Amino acid sequence: MASVAINNTQLSWNTAAALPTAVAVDAADGALITPGDASRTLIILENAAVSAKNATIVAGNGFFGMDDTVVSVPGNGRLVLQVQSGRFVNFSGPNKGCILVKGADADIRVACLLLP
């Protein structure tokens, strides 16, 4: 399979927006987020399982991409994470311009908000 593409929800100042529907990651290849200005990117992580599962924000392949960030998402829980562009965006290769999120399995779901 291939990584699942996540559609971003762009927020606007002083305007309400519906929370985006999270999409299940591909069990093998994860999900790809294409941030605009990645410093304004919020990743929403959901877990459809009863027990906690890990989601991994994979380090980018640029100069600052040092370590993956592993987040334990509680059972039937939802978390939000703001990311730093230099640390997680890929600057070359097949995922160029994207942030890769992997999950323990398809119970991990991902959505993305872009702040104004």
Protein backbone atom coordinates (compact mmCIF):
# COMPACT_ATOMS: atom_id res chain seq x y z
CA MET A 1 0.00 0.00 0.00
CA ALA A 2 0.93 3.64 0.00
CA SER A 3 0.83 6.33 2.62
CA VAL A 4 -2.58 7.91 3.14
CA ALA A 5 -2.76 11.58 2.14
CA ILE A 6 -4.25 13.79 4.86
CA ASN A 7 -6.35 16.77 3.75
CA ASN A 8 -5.58 19.86 5.80
CA THR A 9 -8.22 22.12 7.27
CA GLN A 10 -7.11 25.73 6.95
CA LEU A 11 -8.39 27.92 9.78
CA SER A 12 -9.13 31.62 9.38
CA TRP A 13 -9.02 34.32 12.03
CA ASN A 14 -12.31 34.83 13.91
CA THR A 15 -14.12 32.16 11.90
CA ALA A 16 -15.39 28.87 13.27
CA ALA A 17 -14.62 25.65 11.42
CA ALA A 18 -15.66 22.06 11.93
CA LEU A 19 -13.02 19.70 13.27
CA PRO A 20 -11.74 17.58 10.39
CA THR A 21 -12.51 13.88 10.23
CA ALA A 22 -9.43 11.87 11.09
CA VAL A 23 -8.30 9.25 8.58
CA ALA A 24 -6.81 5.86 9.48
CA VAL A 25 -3.11 5.51 8.78
CA ASP A 26 -1.91 2.81 6.42
CA ALA A 27 -0.62 0.05 8.72
CA ALA A 28 2.67 -0.21 6.81
CA ASP A 29 3.23 3.20 5.24
CA GLY A 30 1.49 5.64 7.59
CA ALA A 31 -0.03 8.97 6.57
CA LEU A 32 1.43 12.04 4.89
CA ILE A 33 0.65 15.61 5.86
CA THR A 34 1.61 18.41 3.48
CA PRO A 35 1.94 21.44 5.73
CA GLY A 36 1.79 24.96 4.41
CA ASP A 37 3.87 26.85 6.92
CA ALA A 38 4.72 23.90 9.15
CA SER A 39 5.24 26.09 12.19
CA ARG A 40 1.48 26.60 12.15
CA THR A 41 0.56 22.95 11.77
CA LEU A 42 -1.47 21.08 14.38
CA ILE A 43 -1.66 17.33 14.03
CA ILE A 44 -4.70 15.62 15.54
CA LEU A 45 -4.13 12.02 16.61
CA GLU A 46 -7.02 9.70 17.44
CA ASN A 47 -7.08 6.12 18.69
CA ALA A 48 -10.12 3.97 17.84
CA ALA A 49 -8.94 1.09 20.05
CA VAL A 50 -9.83 0.56 23.71
CA SER A 51 -6.20 0.42 24.85
CA ALA A 52 -3.44 3.00 24.31
CA LYS A 53 -1.44 2.81 21.08
CA ASN A 54 1.57 4.69 19.78
CA ALA A 55 1.69 7.17 16.93
CA THR A 56 5.08 8.22 15.57
CA ILE A 57 5.88 11.54 13.93
CA VAL A 58 8.85 10.49 11.83
CA ALA A 59 11.91 12.76 11.83
CA GLY A 60 12.44 14.58 8.56
CA ASN A 61 15.55 14.09 6.46
CA GLY A 62 16.75 17.69 6.69
CA PHE A 63 19.50 19.11 8.88
CA PHE A 64 17.29 19.31 12.01
CA GLY A 65 15.52 15.96 11.57
CA MET A 66 17.14 14.13 14.47
CA ASP A 67 14.68 11.86 16.28
CA ASP A 68 11.19 10.51 15.77
CA THR A 69 8.59 11.67 18.28
CA VAL A 70 6.50 8.83 19.71
CA VAL A 71 3.18 9.77 21.29
CA SER A 72 1.04 7.36 23.32
CA VAL A 73 -2.58 8.00 22.34
CA PRO A 74 -4.98 6.80 25.06
CA GLY A 75 -7.69 4.29 24.24
CA ASN A 76 -10.61 5.99 22.51
CA GLY A 77 -8.65 9.22 23.00
CA ARG A 78 -7.65 12.20 20.96
CA LEU A 79 -4.51 14.37 21.22
CA VAL A 80 -3.22 17.41 19.38
CA LEU A 81 0.42 18.17 18.65
CA GLN A 82 2.08 21.24 17.15
CA VAL A 83 5.21 20.39 15.18
CA GLN A 84 8.38 22.21 14.14
CA SER A 85 8.91 22.30 10.40
CA GLY A 86 12.67 21.74 10.32
CA ARG A 87 12.41 18.69 12.52
CA PHE A 88 9.70 16.74 10.69
CA VAL A 89 9.35 17.93 7.08
CA ASN A 90 11.21 15.85 4.49
CA PHE A 91 13.39 17.95 2.22
CA SER A 92 14.14 15.25 -0.35
CA GLY A 93 12.99 11.85 -1.53
CA PRO A 94 9.51 10.49 -2.23
CA ASN A 95 7.97 12.30 0.78
CA LYS A 96 9.50 15.67 -0.07
CA GLY A 97 7.57 18.53 1.52
CA CYS A 98 5.58 16.19 3.77
CA ILE A 99 5.45 15.06 7.38
CA LEU A 100 5.13 11.29 7.84
CA VAL A 101 2.97 9.96 10.67
CA LYS A 102 2.97 6.24 11.43
CA GLY A 103 0.66 4.35 13.74
CA ALA A 104 0.81 1.04 15.55
CA ASP A 105 -1.99 -0.01 13.17
CA ALA A 106 -5.07 1.43 11.42
CA ASP A 107 -6.69 2.23 14.80
CA ILE A 108 -4.51 5.35 14.78
CA ARG A 109 -6.19 8.13 12.82
CA VAL A 110 -4.78 11.47 11.76
CA ALA A 111 -6.15 14.89 10.83
CA CYS A 112 -4.45 18.25 10.38
CA LEU A 113 -5.29 21.88 11.14
CA LEU A 114 -3.34 24.78 9.65
CA LEU A 115 -3.41 27.87 11.83
CA PRO A 116 -3.80 31.30 10.21
